[in-house]
Amino acid sequence: MNGAACNYTDPPGNKWYKASQFKQDAILLWQGPEDSFVGYNDGSDSPDEPEAKIHNTGSTFGIVDGHAEYMKEKVYRALERAENRSRQAGRYYCVPNDPTGRGPL
């Protein structure tokens, strides 16, 4: 799960968001890496951490509006890096009501 759902913070004091607070194209779910628990050790993840690549070097992603998308890792990484460089909220960094989408990261 994308750490944006809990404002990229650990309890106590973290803020949780409802699905209705996110943009409808926000990516909130993805499969953790199959070969390591390092980046997926707490049930949530930052978009720059590893994701699964077991489906022909790609993964499926759960979108807020209820559909799923398949992306190759190189496509996902290119989009994530572009969002990271822009420092603006997008599909991956998507904390509601935060212009950077990153919360306290």
Protein backbone atom coordinates (compact mmCIF):
# COMPACT_ATOMS: atom_id res chain seq x y z
CA MET A 1 0.00 0.00 0.00
CA ASN A 2 1.16 3.50 -0.76
CA GLY A 3 2.36 5.26 2.39
CA ALA A 4 0.35 8.31 1.28
CA ALA A 5 -2.69 6.62 2.86
CA CYS A 6 -1.14 7.25 6.29
CA ASN A 7 0.68 10.51 5.46
CA TYR A 8 4.02 8.65 5.21
CA THR A 9 4.27 8.54 9.00
CA ASP A 10 4.37 5.80 11.63
CA PRO A 11 2.01 5.60 14.61
CA PRO A 12 1.31 7.27 16.93
CA GLY A 13 -0.01 10.48 15.54
CA ASN A 14 -0.23 9.49 11.90
CA LYS A 15 -3.12 10.80 9.86
CA TRP A 16 -5.24 8.41 7.81
CA TYR A 17 -7.11 9.45 4.69
CA LYS A 18 -10.30 8.15 3.13
CA ALA A 19 -10.26 7.00 -0.49
CA SER A 20 -12.63 9.87 -1.35
CA GLN A 21 -9.93 12.38 -0.38
CA PHE A 22 -7.51 11.18 -3.08
CA LYS A 23 -7.58 12.07 -6.76
CA GLN A 24 -9.34 9.30 -8.65
CA ASP A 25 -6.23 8.35 -10.64
CA ALA A 26 -3.96 8.05 -7.56
CA ILE A 27 -2.08 4.79 -7.21
CA LEU A 28 -2.58 3.33 -3.74
CA LEU A 29 -1.79 -0.37 -4.05
CA TRP A 30 1.02 -2.42 -5.51
CA GLN A 31 2.59 -5.77 -4.86
CA GLY A 32 5.70 -5.75 -2.68
CA PRO A 33 8.97 -7.22 -3.91
CA GLU A 34 8.96 -11.00 -4.15
CA ASP A 35 12.60 -11.45 -3.21
CA SER A 36 12.96 -9.10 -0.23
CA PHE A 37 11.00 -7.62 2.63
CA VAL A 38 13.39 -4.70 3.05
CA GLY A 39 11.30 -2.12 1.23
CA TYR A 40 7.94 -3.56 2.18
CA ASN A 41 8.41 -4.27 5.85
CA ASP A 42 5.54 -2.34 7.40
CA GLY A 43 2.54 -2.78 5.11
CA SER A 44 3.08 0.54 3.39
CA ASP A 45 5.62 1.81 0.96
CA SER A 46 7.05 4.94 -0.55
CA PRO A 47 6.85 5.07 -4.36
CA ASP A 48 10.63 5.03 -4.63
CA GLU A 49 10.94 1.66 -2.85
CA PRO A 50 11.00 -1.69 -4.73
CA GLU A 51 7.87 -3.31 -6.13
CA ALA A 52 7.25 -6.76 -7.58
CA LYS A 53 8.50 -7.58 -11.05
CA ILE A 54 7.18 -11.12 -11.34
CA HIS A 55 4.71 -10.40 -14.14
CA ASN A 56 7.05 -10.11 -17.13
CA THR A 57 9.19 -7.50 -15.30
CA GLY A 58 6.16 -5.51 -14.28
CA SER A 59 3.45 -5.33 -11.66
CA THR A 60 -0.20 -4.51 -11.20
CA PHE A 61 -1.26 -1.35 -9.40
CA GLY A 62 -4.55 -0.59 -7.63
CA ILE A 63 -6.06 2.79 -8.47
CA VAL A 64 -8.39 4.78 -6.19
CA ASP A 65 -11.29 4.67 -8.66
CA GLY A 66 -11.31 0.87 -8.40
CA HIS A 67 -9.48 -0.29 -11.51
CA ALA A 68 -6.11 -1.98 -11.79
CA GLU A 69 -3.26 -1.11 -14.14
CA TYR A 70 -0.30 -3.15 -15.29
CA MET A 71 3.02 -1.36 -15.76
CA LYS A 72 6.48 -2.53 -16.66
CA GLU A 73 9.05 -1.52 -14.07
CA LYS A 74 10.87 0.84 -16.44
CA VAL A 75 7.61 2.73 -17.13
CA TYR A 76 6.73 2.91 -13.44
CA ARG A 77 10.23 4.07 -12.50
CA ALA A 78 10.32 6.73 -15.23
CA LEU A 79 6.99 8.17 -14.06
CA GLU A 80 8.00 7.99 -10.39
CA ARG A 81 11.32 9.74 -11.04
CA ALA A 82 9.62 12.49 -13.07
CA GLU A 83 7.15 13.07 -10.23
CA ASN A 84 9.95 13.03 -7.69
CA ARG A 85 11.95 15.63 -9.65
CA SER A 86 8.94 17.92 -10.11
CA ARG A 87 8.18 17.94 -6.35
CA GLN A 88 4.48 18.23 -7.20
CA ALA A 89 1.67 15.91 -6.18
CA GLY A 90 0.82 13.26 -8.75
CA ARG A 91 -0.35 9.68 -9.03
CA TYR A 92 2.35 8.17 -6.77
CA TYR A 93 3.15 10.97 -4.34
CA CYS A 94 -0.46 11.80 -3.57
CA VAL A 95 -1.02 12.88 0.05
CA PRO A 96 -4.32 14.82 -0.09
CA ASN A 97 -4.19 18.61 0.30
CA ASP A 98 -0.38 18.69 0.03
CA PRO A 99 1.03 20.45 -3.06
CA THR A 100 4.06 18.13 -3.06
CA GLY A 101 1.98 15.01 -2.31
CA ARG A 102 4.62 13.92 0.19
CA GLY A 103 3.31 14.96 3.58
CA PRO A 104 6.12 15.05 6.15
CA LEU A 105 8.48 12.77 4.11
